[in-house]
Amino acid sequence: MSVFEELKGLGVDVDGGLERAMGDRSLYTMMLGMFADTVRTTTIAPEEFDGGLEPLIEKVHMLKGTAGNLSLTPIFNGYNRTLELLREGQPGKARAEFEAMRPVQEKLMDCIKKSAL
């Protein structure tokens, strides 16, 4: 099974992502790898939901935008809802949303990492 088929199986809109990459599979694959690097270096710790929220809002906003640009729909939706809840001043619900999305993100990251081998 190709990485694109596997990503589709995880709910990613691969066709939409490829469209944004002008149909260039190599470019899209490279961008997915860059996203995985960004996720790895932009960690979000559960305790961040307990303090000043502005830095957390910035991280979540950046990851949401990047996930959306790559059509990583399942995690885009999770980041989007997390961001909405943070902006509404509901950090507890935002944390729960983020934690619910994390396993899906881990599956996507594993799939993307396999494609880089």
PDB file of N, CA and C in Angstrom:
ATOM      1  N   MET A   1       0.855  -1.174   0.000  1.00  0.00           N
ATOM      2  CA  MET A   1       0.000   0.000   0.000  1.00  0.00           C
ATOM      3  C   MET A   1       0.905   1.243   0.000  1.00  0.00           C
ATOM      4  N   SER A   2       0.592   2.203  -0.851  1.00  0.00           N
ATOM      5  CA  SER A   2       1.392   3.426  -0.925  1.00  0.00           C
ATOM      6  C   SER A   2       1.071   4.332   0.261  1.00  0.00           C
ATOM      7  N   VAL A   3       1.975   5.261   0.523  1.00  0.00           N
ATOM      8  CA  VAL A   3       1.751   6.204   1.623  1.00  0.00           C
ATOM      9  C   VAL A   3       0.482   7.015   1.378  1.00  0.00           C
ATOM     10  N   PHE A   4       0.207   7.334   0.121  1.00  0.00           N
ATOM     11  CA  PHE A   4      -0.997   8.116  -0.174  1.00  0.00           C
ATOM     12  C   PHE A   4      -2.255   7.306   0.111  1.00  0.00           C
ATOM     13  N   GLU A   5      -2.255   6.032  -0.213  1.00  0.00           N
ATOM     14  CA  GLU A   5      -3.404   5.180   0.082  1.00  0.00           C
ATOM     15  C   GLU A   5      -3.584   5.043   1.594  1.00  0.00           C
ATOM     16  N   GLU A   6      -2.456   4.890   2.292  1.00  0.00           N
ATOM     17  CA  GLU A   6      -2.516   4.759   3.748  1.00  0.00           C
ATOM     18  C   GLU A   6      -3.052   6.043   4.383  1.00  0.00           C
ATOM     19  N   LEU A   7      -2.588   7.186   3.896  1.00  0.00           N
ATOM     20  CA  LEU A   7      -3.076   8.464   4.412  1.00  0.00           C
ATOM     21  C   LEU A   7      -4.571   8.626   4.137  1.00  0.00           C
ATOM     22  N   LYS A   8      -5.001   8.235   2.944  1.00  0.00           N
ATOM     23  CA  LYS A   8      -6.434   8.302   2.634  1.00  0.00           C
ATOM     24  C   LYS A   8      -7.235   7.444   3.606  1.00  0.00           C
ATOM     25  N   GLY A   9      -6.691   6.278   3.934  1.00  0.00           N
ATOM     26  CA  GLY A   9      -7.347   5.388   4.881  1.00  0.00           C
ATOM     27  C   GLY A   9      -7.469   5.989   6.270  1.00  0.00           C
ATOM     28  N   LEU A  10      -6.596   6.947   6.571  1.00  0.00           N
ATOM     29  CA  LEU A  10      -6.636   7.632   7.866  1.00  0.00           C
ATOM     30  C   LEU A  10      -7.474   8.907   7.821  1.00  0.00           C
ATOM     31  N   GLY A  11      -8.121   9.159   6.672  1.00  0.00           N
ATOM     32  CA  GLY A  11      -9.015  10.306   6.559  1.00  0.00           C
ATOM     33  C   GLY A  11      -8.414  11.550   5.948  1.00  0.00           C
ATOM     34  N   VAL A  12      -7.187  11.447   5.434  1.00  0.00           N
ATOM     35  CA  VAL A  12      -6.531  12.608   4.822  1.00  0.00           C
ATOM     36  C   VAL A  12      -7.082  12.820   3.416  1.00  0.00           C
ATOM     37  N   ASP A  13      -7.321  14.049   3.050  1.00  0.00           N
ATOM     38  CA  ASP A  13      -7.764  14.410   1.701  1.00  0.00           C
ATOM     39  C   ASP A  13      -6.515  14.555   0.825  1.00  0.00           C
ATOM     40  N   VAL A  14      -5.943  13.430   0.454  1.00  0.00           N
ATOM     41  CA  VAL A  14      -4.699  13.421  -0.319  1.00  0.00           C
ATOM     42  C   VAL A  14      -4.877  14.159  -1.639  1.00  0.00           C
ATOM     43  N   ASP A  15      -6.009  13.973  -2.296  1.00  0.00           N
ATOM     44  CA  ASP A  15      -6.234  14.653  -3.576  1.00  0.00           C
ATOM     45  C   ASP A  15      -6.209  16.170  -3.395  1.00  0.00           C
ATOM     46  N   GLY A  16      -6.817  16.660  -2.327  1.00  0.00           N
ATOM     47  CA  GLY A  16      -6.789  18.089  -2.038  1.00  0.00           C
ATOM     48  C   GLY A  16      -5.390  18.580  -1.728  1.00  0.00           C
ATOM     49  N   GLY A  17      -4.640  17.788  -0.978  1.00  0.00           N
ATOM     50  CA  GLY A  17      -3.259  18.150  -0.664  1.00  0.00           C
ATOM     51  C   GLY A  17      -2.395  18.181  -1.908  1.00  0.00           C
ATOM     52  N   LEU A  18      -2.583  17.187  -2.763  1.00  0.00           N
ATOM     53  CA  LEU A  18      -1.823  17.162  -4.016  1.00  0.00           C
ATOM     54  C   LEU A  18      -2.194  18.336  -4.908  1.00  0.00           C
ATOM     55  N   GLU A  19      -3.453  18.705  -4.893  1.00  0.00           N
ATOM     56  CA  GLU A  19      -3.887  19.859  -5.682  1.00  0.00           C
ATOM     57  C   GLU A  19      -3.160  21.124  -5.214  1.00  0.00           C
ATOM     58  N   ARG A  20      -3.041  21.275  -3.912  1.00  0.00           N
ATOM     59  CA  ARG A  20      -2.323  22.439  -3.369  1.00  0.00           C
ATOM     60  C   ARG A  20      -0.842  22.405  -3.729  1.00  0.00           C
ATOM     61  N   ALA A  21      -0.312  21.193  -3.944  1.00  0.00           N
ATOM     62  CA  ALA A  21       1.093  21.025  -4.337  1.00  0.00           C
ATOM     63  C   ALA A  21       1.220  20.945  -5.861  1.00  0.00           C
ATOM     64  N   MET A  22       0.214  21.438  -6.563  1.00  0.00           N
ATOM     65  CA  MET A  22       0.200  21.478  -8.030  1.00  0.00           C
ATOM     66  C   MET A  22       0.388  20.090  -8.653  1.00  0.00           C
ATOM     67  N   GLY A  23      -0.121  19.066  -7.952  1.00  0.00           N
ATOM     68  CA  GLY A  23      -0.064  17.707  -8.458  1.00  0.00           C
ATOM     69  C   GLY A  23       1.300  17.052  -8.324  1.00  0.00           C
ATOM     70  N   ASP A  24       2.230  17.727  -7.709  1.00  0.00           N
ATOM     71  CA  ASP A  24       3.606  17.221  -7.583  1.00  0.00           C
ATOM     72  C   ASP A  24       3.703  16.327  -6.346  1.00  0.00           C
ATOM     73  N   ARG A  25       3.722  15.020  -6.585  1.00  0.00           N
ATOM     74  CA  ARG A  25       3.765  14.047  -5.490  1.00  0.00           C
ATOM     75  C   ARG A  25       5.030  14.195  -4.641  1.00  0.00           C
ATOM     76  N   SER A  26       6.146  14.472  -5.283  1.00  0.00           N
ATOM     77  CA  SER A  26       7.401  14.642  -4.547  1.00  0.00           C
ATOM     78  C   SER A  26       7.329  15.860  -3.631  1.00  0.00           C
ATOM     79  N   LEU A  27       6.769  16.944  -4.131  1.00  0.00           N
ATOM     80  CA  LEU A  27       6.631  18.158  -3.333  1.00  0.00           C
ATOM     81  C   LEU A  27       5.706  17.904  -2.152  1.00  0.00           C
ATOM     82  N   TYR A  28       4.583  17.245  -2.401  1.00  0.00           N
ATOM     83  CA  TYR A  28       3.638  16.963  -1.323  1.00  0.00           C
ATOM     84  C   TYR A  28       4.287  16.068  -0.265  1.00  0.00           C
ATOM     85  N   THR A  29       5.011  15.054  -0.701  1.00  0.00           N
ATOM     86  CA  THR A  29       5.701  14.163   0.230  1.00  0.00           C
ATOM     87  C   THR A  29       6.727  14.939   1.055  1.00  0.00           C
ATOM     88  N   MET A  30       7.462  15.845   0.407  1.00  0.00           N
ATOM     89  CA  MET A  30       8.440  16.660   1.111  1.00  0.00           C
ATOM     90  C   MET A  30       7.745  17.548   2.146  1.00  0.00           C
ATOM     91  N   MET A  31       6.625  18.135   1.751  1.00  0.00           N
ATOM     92  CA  MET A  31       5.884  19.005   2.666  1.00  0.00           C
ATOM     93  C   MET A  31       5.331  18.214   3.857  1.00  0.00           C
ATOM     94  N   LEU A  32       4.907  16.983   3.613  1.00  0.00           N
ATOM     95  CA  LEU A  32       4.450  16.131   4.716  1.00  0.00           C
ATOM     96  C   LEU A  32       5.596  15.881   5.693  1.00  0.00           C
ATOM     97  N   GLY A  33       6.783  15.621   5.161  1.00  0.00           N
ATOM     98  CA  GLY A  33       7.959  15.420   6.013  1.00  0.00           C
ATOM     99  C   GLY A  33       8.285  16.657   6.825  1.00  0.00           C
ATOM    100  N   MET A  34       8.150  17.819   6.201  1.00  0.00           N
ATOM    101  CA  MET A  34       8.397  19.072   6.914  1.00  0.00           C
ATOM    102  C   MET A  34       7.364  19.268   8.025  1.00  0.00           C
ATOM    103  N   PHE A  35       6.125  18.880   7.748  1.00  0.00           N
ATOM    104  CA  PHE A  35       5.091  18.978   8.779  1.00  0.00           C
ATOM    105  C   PHE A  35       5.431  18.062   9.954  1.00  0.00           C
ATOM    106  N   ALA A  36       5.860  16.837   9.655  1.00  0.00           N
ATOM    107  CA  ALA A  36       6.230  15.905  10.727  1.00  0.00           C
ATOM    108  C   ALA A  36       7.355  16.501  11.574  1.00  0.00           C
ATOM    109  N   ASP A  37       8.325  17.140  10.936  1.00  0.00           N
ATOM    110  CA  ASP A  37       9.400  17.802  11.681  1.00  0.00           C
ATOM    111  C   ASP A  37       8.848  18.917  12.555  1.00  0.00           C
ATOM    112  N   THR A  38       7.908  19.681  12.025  1.00  0.00           N
ATOM    113  CA  THR A  38       7.308  20.777  12.776  1.00  0.00           C
ATOM    114  C   THR A  38       6.562  20.255  14.003  1.00  0.00           C
ATOM    115  N   VAL A  39       5.820  19.179  13.824  1.00  0.00           N
ATOM    116  CA  VAL A  39       5.093  18.580  14.953  1.00  0.00           C
ATOM    117  C   VAL A  39       6.092  18.107  16.009  1.00  0.00           C
ATOM    118  N   ARG A  40       7.184  17.514  15.563  1.00  0.00           N
ATOM    119  CA  ARG A  40       8.192  16.999  16.481  1.00  0.00           C
ATOM    120  C   ARG A  40       8.848  18.135  17.286  1.00  0.00           C
ATOM    121  N   THR A  41       9.056  19.288  16.654  1.00  0.00           N
ATOM    122  CA  THR A  41       9.744  20.391  17.327  1.00  0.00           C
ATOM    123  C   THR A  41       8.797  21.386  17.999  1.00  0.00           C
ATOM    124  N   THR A  42       7.525  21.301  17.700  1.00  0.00           N
ATOM    125  CA  THR A  42       6.531  22.202  18.300  1.00  0.00           C
ATOM    126  C   THR A  42       5.679  21.387  19.264  1.00  0.00           C
ATOM    127  N   THR A  43       6.284  21.031  20.355  1.00  0.00           N
ATOM    128  CA  THR A  43       5.576  20.183  21.309  1.00  0.00           C
ATOM    129  C   THR A  43       4.533  20.992  22.080  1.00  0.00           C
ATOM    130  N   ILE A  44       3.471  20.311  22.398  1.00  0.00           N
ATOM    131  CA  ILE A  44       2.417  20.902  23.222  1.00  0.00           C
ATOM    132  C   ILE A  44       2.239  19.979  24.422  1.00  0.00           C
ATOM    133  N   ALA A  45       2.596  20.502  25.586  1.00  0.00           N
ATOM    134  CA  ALA A  45       2.495  19.732  26.820  1.00  0.00           C
ATOM    135  C   ALA A  45       1.134  20.001  27.472  1.00  0.00           C
ATOM    136  N   PRO A  46       0.570  18.990  28.107  1.00  0.00           N
ATOM    137  CA  PRO A  46      -0.743  19.173  28.747  1.00  0.00           C
ATOM    138  C   PRO A  46      -0.782  20.344  29.728  1.00  0.00           C
ATOM    139  N   GLU A  47       0.323  20.590  30.430  1.00  0.00           N
ATOM    140  CA  GLU A  47       0.319  21.683  31.413  1.00  0.00           C
ATOM    141  C   GLU A  47       0.244  23.063  30.772  1.00  0.00           C
ATOM    142  N   GLU A  48       0.491  23.161  29.470  1.00  0.00           N
ATOM    143  CA  GLU A  48       0.367  24.449  28.791  1.00  0.00           C
ATOM    144  C   GLU A  48      -1.076  24.955  28.797  1.00  0.00           C
ATOM    145  N   PHE A  49      -2.018  24.043  28.962  1.00  0.00           N
ATOM    146  CA  PHE A  49      -3.428  24.426  29.008  1.00  0.00           C
ATOM    147  C   PHE A  49      -3.803  25.061  30.353  1.00  0.00           C
ATOM    148  N   ASP A  50      -2.873  25.006  31.311  1.00  0.00           N
ATOM    149  CA  ASP A  50      -3.136  25.529  32.651  1.00  0.00           C
ATOM    150  C   ASP A  50      -2.618  26.943  32.866  1.00  0.00           C
ATOM    151  N   GLY A  51      -1.768  27.443  31.969  1.00  0.00           N
ATOM    152  CA  GLY A  51      -1.140  28.736  32.205  1.00  0.00           C
ATOM    153  C   GLY A  51      -1.636  29.793  31.252  1.00  0.00           C
ATOM    154  N   GLY A  52      -0.733  30.752  30.984  1.00  0.00           N
ATOM    155  CA  GLY A  52      -1.043  31.782  29.996  1.00  0.00           C
ATOM    156  C   GLY A  52      -1.278  31.129  28.649  1.00  0.00           C
ATOM    157  N   LEU A  53      -2.378  31.413  28.030  1.00  0.00           N
ATOM    158  CA  LEU A  53      -2.789  30.674  26.832  1.00  0.00           C
ATOM    159  C   LEU A  53      -2.255  31.241  25.524  1.00  0.00           C
ATOM    160  N   GLU A  54      -1.776  32.464  25.494  1.00  0.00           N
ATOM    161  CA  GLU A  54      -1.353  33.073  24.222  1.00  0.00           C
ATOM    162  C   GLU A  54      -0.282  32.265  23.493  1.00  0.00           C
ATOM    163  N   PRO A  55       0.809  31.837  24.168  1.00  0.00           N
ATOM    164  CA  PRO A  55       1.806  31.028  23.453  1.00  0.00           C
ATOM    165  C   PRO A  55       1.205  29.728  22.907  1.00  0.00           C
ATOM    166  N   LEU A  56       0.323  29.122  23.677  1.00  0.00           N
ATOM    167  CA  LEU A  56      -0.336  27.890  23.238  1.00  0.00           C
ATOM    168  C   LEU A  56      -1.239  28.162  22.048  1.00  0.00           C
ATOM    169  N   ILE A  57      -1.991  29.235  22.097  1.00  0.00           N
ATOM    170  CA  ILE A  57      -2.862  29.599  20.978  1.00  0.00           C
ATOM    171  C   ILE A  57      -2.035  29.775  19.708  1.00  0.00           C
ATOM    172  N   GLU A  58      -0.873  30.411  19.816  1.00  0.00           N
ATOM    173  CA  GLU A  58      -0.014  30.602  18.643  1.00  0.00           C
ATOM    174  C   GLU A  58       0.453  29.273  18.068  1.00  0.00           C
ATOM    175  N   LYS A  59       0.861  28.341  18.938  1.00  0.00           N
ATOM    176  CA  LYS A  59       1.305  27.018  18.468  1.00  0.00           C
ATOM    177  C   LYS A  59       0.172  26.277  17.770  1.00  0.00           C
ATOM    178  N   VAL A  60      -0.977  26.242  18.434  1.00  0.00           N
ATOM    179  CA  VAL A  60      -2.120  25.508  17.887  1.00  0.00           C
ATOM    180  C   VAL A  60      -2.554  26.134  16.562  1.00  0.00           C
ATOM    181  N   HIS A  61      -2.559  27.447  16.490  1.00  0.00           N
ATOM    182  CA  HIS A  61      -2.947  28.134  15.258  1.00  0.00           C
ATOM    183  C   HIS A  61      -1.993  27.770  14.112  1.00  0.00           C
ATOM    184  N   MET A  62      -0.696  27.761  14.379  1.00  0.00           N
ATOM    185  CA  MET A  62       0.286  27.425  13.355  1.00  0.00           C
ATOM    186  C   MET A  62       0.124  25.976  12.880  1.00  0.00           C
ATOM    187  N   LEU A  63      -0.041  25.059  13.811  1.00  0.00           N
ATOM    188  CA  LEU A  63      -0.188  23.648  13.439  1.00  0.00           C
ATOM    189  C   LEU A  63      -1.500  23.410  12.696  1.00  0.00           C
ATOM    190  N   LYS A  64      -2.547  24.106  13.108  1.00  0.00           N
ATOM    191  CA  LYS A  64      -3.837  23.988  12.417  1.00  0.00           C
ATOM    192  C   LYS A  64      -3.708  24.447  10.972  1.00  0.00           C
ATOM    193  N   GLY A  65      -3.080  25.590  10.779  1.00  0.00           N
ATOM    194  CA  GLY A  65      -2.923  26.120   9.428  1.00  0.00           C
ATOM    195  C   GLY A  65      -2.112  25.210   8.529  1.00  0.00           C
ATOM    196  N   THR A  66      -1.030  24.693   9.066  1.00  0.00           N
ATOM    197  CA  THR A  66      -0.173  23.805   8.278  1.00  0.00           C
ATOM    198  C   THR A  66      -0.908  22.512   7.946  1.00  0.00           C
ATOM    199  N   ALA A  67      -1.601  21.949   8.934  1.00  0.00           N
ATOM    200  CA  ALA A  67      -2.373  20.726   8.696  1.00  0.00           C
ATOM    201  C   ALA A  67      -3.449  20.975   7.643  1.00  0.00           C
ATOM    202  N   GLY A  68      -4.080  22.141   7.694  1.00  0.00           N
ATOM    203  CA  GLY A  68      -5.100  22.476   6.705  1.00  0.00           C
ATOM    204  C   GLY A  68      -4.528  22.619   5.312  1.00  0.00           C
ATOM    205  N   ASN A  69      -3.375  23.261   5.201  1.00  0.00           N
ATOM    206  CA  ASN A  69      -2.751  23.432   3.888  1.00  0.00           C
ATOM    207  C   ASN A  69      -2.376  22.102   3.245  1.00  0.00           C
ATOM    208  N   LEU A  70      -2.097  21.105   4.075  1.00  0.00           N
ATOM    209  CA  LEU A  70      -1.736  19.781   3.562  1.00  0.00           C
ATOM    210  C   LEU A  70      -2.938  18.844   3.486  1.00  0.00           C
ATOM    211  N   SER A  71      -4.109  19.365   3.814  1.00  0.00           N
ATOM    212  CA  SER A  71      -5.358  18.591   3.798  1.00  0.00           C
ATOM    213  C   SER A  71      -5.313  17.393   4.746  1.00  0.00           C
ATOM    214  N   LEU A  72      -4.645  17.568   5.875  1.00  0.00           N
ATOM    215  CA  LEU A  72      -4.600  16.534   6.913  1.00  0.00           C
ATOM    216  C   LEU A  72      -5.856  16.699   7.775  1.00  0.00           C
ATOM    217  N   THR A  73      -6.978  16.437   7.160  1.00  0.00           N
ATOM    218  CA  THR A  73      -8.297  16.747   7.693  1.00  0.00           C
ATOM    219  C   THR A  73      -8.525  16.298   9.133  1.00  0.00           C
ATOM    220  N   PRO A  74      -8.198  15.063   9.501  1.00  0.00           N
ATOM    221  CA  PRO A  74      -8.506  14.642  10.880  1.00  0.00           C
ATOM    222  C   PRO A  74      -7.803  15.490  11.942  1.00  0.00           C
ATOM    223  N   ILE A  75      -6.550  15.844  11.701  1.00  0.00           N
ATOM    224  CA  ILE A  75      -5.879  16.647  12.724  1.00  0.00           C
ATOM    225  C   ILE A  75      -6.162  18.133  12.533  1.00  0.00           C
ATOM    226  N   PHE A  76      -6.425  18.550  11.313  1.00  0.00           N
ATOM    227  CA  PHE A  76      -6.860  19.938  11.118  1.00  0.00           C
ATOM    228  C   PHE A  76      -8.112  20.191  11.944  1.00  0.00           C
ATOM    229  N   ASN A  77      -9.074  19.286  11.853  1.00  0.00           N
ATOM    230  CA  ASN A  77     -10.323  19.447  12.598  1.00  0.00           C
ATOM    231  C   ASN A  77     -10.071  19.489  14.106  1.00  0.00           C
ATOM    232  N   GLY A  78      -9.178  18.621  14.585  1.00  0.00           N
ATOM    233  CA  GLY A  78      -8.853  18.605  16.009  1.00  0.00           C
ATOM    234  C   GLY A  78      -8.184  19.886  16.466  1.00  0.00           C
ATOM    235  N   TYR A  79      -7.222  20.362  15.676  1.00  0.00           N
ATOM    236  CA  TYR A  79      -6.556  21.627  16.020  1.00  0.00           C
ATOM    237  C   TYR A  79      -7.536  22.796  15.930  1.00  0.00           C
ATOM    238  N   ASN A  80      -8.403  22.770  14.937  1.00  0.00           N
ATOM    239  CA  ASN A  80      -9.373  23.846  14.773  1.00  0.00           C
ATOM    240  C   ASN A  80     -10.293  23.937  15.984  1.00  0.00           C
ATOM    241  N   ARG A  81     -10.815  22.804  16.410  1.00  0.00           N
ATOM    242  CA  ARG A  81     -11.718  22.794  17.566  1.00  0.00           C
ATOM    243  C   ARG A  81     -10.952  23.179  18.834  1.00  0.00           C
ATOM    244  N   THR A  82      -9.714  22.695  18.980  1.00  0.00           N
ATOM    245  CA  THR A  82      -8.883  23.068  20.130  1.00  0.00           C
ATOM    246  C   THR A  82      -8.692  24.578  20.173  1.00  0.00           C
ATOM    247  N   LEU A  83      -8.392  25.156  19.024  1.00  0.00           N
ATOM    248  CA  LEU A  83      -8.170  26.600  18.936  1.00  0.00           C
ATOM    249  C   LEU A  83      -9.442  27.373  19.297  1.00  0.00           C
ATOM    250  N   GLU A  84     -10.566  26.934  18.767  1.00  0.00           N
ATOM    251  CA  GLU A  84     -11.837  27.593  19.089  1.00  0.00           C
ATOM    252  C   GLU A  84     -12.085  27.600  20.599  1.00  0.00           C
ATOM    253  N   LEU A  85     -11.863  26.466  21.221  1.00  0.00           N
ATOM    254  CA  LEU A  85     -12.103  26.356  22.665  1.00  0.00           C
ATOM    255  C   LEU A  85     -11.128  27.221  23.461  1.00  0.00           C
ATOM    256  N   LEU A  86      -9.877  27.277  23.024  1.00  0.00           N
ATOM    257  CA  LEU A  86      -8.914  28.148  23.699  1.00  0.00           C
ATOM    258  C   LEU A  86      -9.338  29.604  23.595  1.00  0.00           C
ATOM    259  N   ARG A  87      -9.760  30.000  22.421  1.00  0.00           N
ATOM    260  CA  ARG A  87     -10.181  31.392  22.209  1.00  0.00           C
ATOM    261  C   ARG A  87     -11.462  31.728  22.964  1.00  0.00           C
ATOM    262  N   GLU A  88     -12.260  30.702  23.248  1.00  0.00           N
ATOM    263  CA  GLU A  88     -13.482  30.898  24.032  1.00  0.00           C
ATOM    264  C   GLU A  88     -13.201  30.861  25.536  1.00  0.00           C
ATOM    265  N   GLY A  89     -11.931  30.677  25.902  1.00  0.00           N
ATOM    266  CA  GLY A  89     -11.573  30.634  27.317  1.00  0.00           C
ATOM    267  C   GLY A  89     -11.950  29.343  28.009  1.00  0.00           C
ATOM    268  N   GLN A  90     -11.925  28.228  27.254  1.00  0.00           N
ATOM    269  CA  GLN A  90     -12.269  26.926  27.814  1.00  0.00           C
ATOM    270  C   GLN A  90     -11.071  25.974  27.700  1.00  0.00           C
ATOM    271  N   PRO A  91     -10.005  26.247  28.451  1.00  0.00           N
ATOM    272  CA  PRO A  91      -8.794  25.436  28.305  1.00  0.00           C
ATOM    273  C   PRO A  91      -8.977  23.967  28.674  1.00  0.00           C
ATOM    274  N   GLY A  92      -9.847  23.666  29.619  1.00  0.00           N
ATOM    275  CA  GLY A  92     -10.082  22.265  29.989  1.00  0.00           C
ATOM    276  C   GLY A  92     -10.679  21.472  28.836  1.00  0.00           C
ATOM    277  N   LYS A  93     -11.679  22.051  28.195  1.00  0.00           N
ATOM    278  CA  LYS A  93     -12.288  21.385  27.032  1.00  0.00           C
ATOM    279  C   LYS A  93     -11.306  21.341  25.866  1.00  0.00           C
ATOM    280  N   ALA A  94     -10.500  22.387  25.727  1.00  0.00           N
ATOM    281  CA  ALA A  94      -9.497  22.417  24.658  1.00  0.00           C
ATOM    282  C   ALA A  94      -8.482  21.300  24.863  1.00  0.00           C
ATOM    283  N   ARG A  95      -8.054  21.103  26.099  1.00  0.00           N
ATOM    284  CA  ARG A  95      -7.107  20.020  26.391  1.00  0.00           C
ATOM    285  C   ARG A  95      -7.712  18.669  26.041  1.00  0.00           C
ATOM    286  N   ALA A  96      -8.969  18.463  26.404  1.00  0.00           N
ATOM    287  CA  ALA A  96      -9.637  17.192  26.099  1.00  0.00           C
ATOM    288  C   ALA A  96      -9.709  16.976  24.585  1.00  0.00           C
ATOM    289  N   GLU A  97     -10.020  18.012  23.840  1.00  0.00           N
ATOM    290  CA  GLU A  97     -10.073  17.918  22.371  1.00  0.00           C
ATOM    291  C   GLU A  97      -8.701  17.577  21.804  1.00  0.00           C
ATOM    292  N   PHE A  98      -7.685  18.269  22.309  1.00  0.00           N
ATOM    293  CA  PHE A  98      -6.321  18.023  21.857  1.00  0.00           C
ATOM    294  C   PHE A  98      -5.896  16.590  22.167  1.00  0.00           C
ATOM    295  N   GLU A  99      -6.164  16.140  23.377  1.00  0.00           N
ATOM    296  CA  GLU A  99      -5.788  14.779  23.771  1.00  0.00           C
ATOM    297  C   GLU A  99      -6.528  13.733  22.938  1.00  0.00           C
ATOM    298  N   ALA A 100      -7.756  14.013  22.555  1.00  0.00           N
ATOM    299  CA  ALA A 100      -8.512  13.077  21.713  1.00  0.00           C
ATOM    300  C   ALA A 100      -7.941  13.010  20.305  1.00  0.00           C
ATOM    301  N   MET A 101      -7.369  14.115  19.835  1.00  0.00           N
ATOM    302  CA  MET A 101      -6.808  14.171  18.482  1.00  0.00           C
ATOM    303  C   MET A 101      -5.416  13.559  18.413  1.00  0.00           C
ATOM    304  N   ARG A 102      -4.698  13.567  19.524  1.00  0.00           N
ATOM    305  CA  ARG A 102      -3.295  13.117  19.530  1.00  0.00           C
ATOM    306  C   ARG A 102      -3.050  11.726  18.953  1.00  0.00           C
ATOM    307  N   PRO A 103      -3.835  10.707  19.309  1.00  0.00           N
ATOM    308  CA  PRO A 103      -3.581   9.377  18.739  1.00  0.00           C
ATOM    309  C   PRO A 103      -3.704   9.357  17.207  1.00  0.00           C
ATOM    310  N   VAL A 104      -4.621  10.145  16.688  1.00  0.00           N
ATOM    311  CA  VAL A 104      -4.782  10.233  15.231  1.00  0.00           C
ATOM    312  C   VAL A 104      -3.544  10.886  14.629  1.00  0.00           C
ATOM    313  N   GLN A 105      -3.065  11.945  15.276  1.00  0.00           N
ATOM    314  CA  GLN A 105      -1.863  12.616  14.799  1.00  0.00           C
ATOM    315  C   GLN A 105      -0.671  11.660  14.818  1.00  0.00           C
ATOM    316  N   GLU A 106      -0.556  10.861  15.871  1.00  0.00           N
ATOM    317  CA  GLU A 106       0.546   9.904  15.961  1.00  0.00           C
ATOM    318  C   GLU A 106       0.491   8.892  14.821  1.00  0.00           C
ATOM    319  N   LYS A 107      -0.701   8.415  14.482  1.00  0.00           N
ATOM    320  CA  LYS A 107      -0.843   7.485  13.350  1.00  0.00           C
ATOM    321  C   LYS A 107      -0.410   8.154  12.045  1.00  0.00           C
ATOM    322  N   LEU A 108      -0.833   9.400  11.852  1.00  0.00           N
ATOM    323  CA  LEU A 108      -0.439  10.125  10.644  1.00  0.00           C
ATOM    324  C   LEU A 108       1.072  10.327  10.599  1.00  0.00           C
ATOM    325  N   MET A 109       1.665  10.691  11.725  1.00  0.00           N
ATOM    326  CA  MET A 109       3.108  10.925  11.773  1.00  0.00           C
ATOM    327  C   MET A 109       3.866   9.624  11.497  1.00  0.00           C
ATOM    328  N   ASP A 110       3.384   8.504  12.031  1.00  0.00           N
ATOM    329  CA  ASP A 110       4.025   7.214  11.751  1.00  0.00           C
ATOM    330  C   ASP A 110       3.977   6.897  10.271  1.00  0.00           C
ATOM    331  N   CYS A 111       2.840   7.144   9.658  1.00  0.00           N
ATOM    332  CA  CYS A 111       2.670   6.902   8.220  1.00  0.00           C
ATOM    333  C   CYS A 111       3.629   7.784   7.421  1.00  0.00           C
ATOM    334  N   ILE A 112       3.716   9.048   7.786  1.00  0.00           N
ATOM    335  CA  ILE A 112       4.586   9.990   7.068  1.00  0.00           C
ATOM    336  C   ILE A 112       6.051   9.589   7.242  1.00  0.00           C
ATOM    337  N   LYS A 113       6.434   9.192   8.452  1.00  0.00           N
ATOM    338  CA  LYS A 113       7.818   8.788   8.707  1.00  0.00           C
ATOM    339  C   LYS A 113       8.184   7.570   7.861  1.00  0.00           C
ATOM    340  N   LYS A 114       7.252   6.616   7.732  1.00  0.00           N
ATOM    341  CA  LYS A 114       7.514   5.433   6.904  1.00  0.00           C
ATOM    342  C   LYS A 114       7.785   5.818   5.460  1.00  0.00           C
ATOM    343  N   SER A 115       7.117   6.857   4.988  1.00  0.00           N
ATOM    344  CA  SER A 115       7.287   7.257   3.597  1.00  0.00           C
ATOM    345  C   SER A 115       8.653   7.880   3.360  1.00  0.00           C
ATOM    346  N   ALA A 116       9.293   8.350   4.440  1.00  0.00           N
ATOM    347  CA  ALA A 116      10.608   8.988   4.300  1.00  0.00           C
ATOM    348  C   ALA A 116      11.739   7.959   4.288  1.00  0.00           C
ATOM    349  N   LEU A 117      11.444   6.708   4.588  1.00  0.00           N
ATOM    350  CA  LEU A 117      12.483   5.676   4.627  1.00  0.00           C
ATOM    351  C   LEU A 117      12.920   5.248   3.248  1.00  0.00           C
TER     352      LEU A 117
END
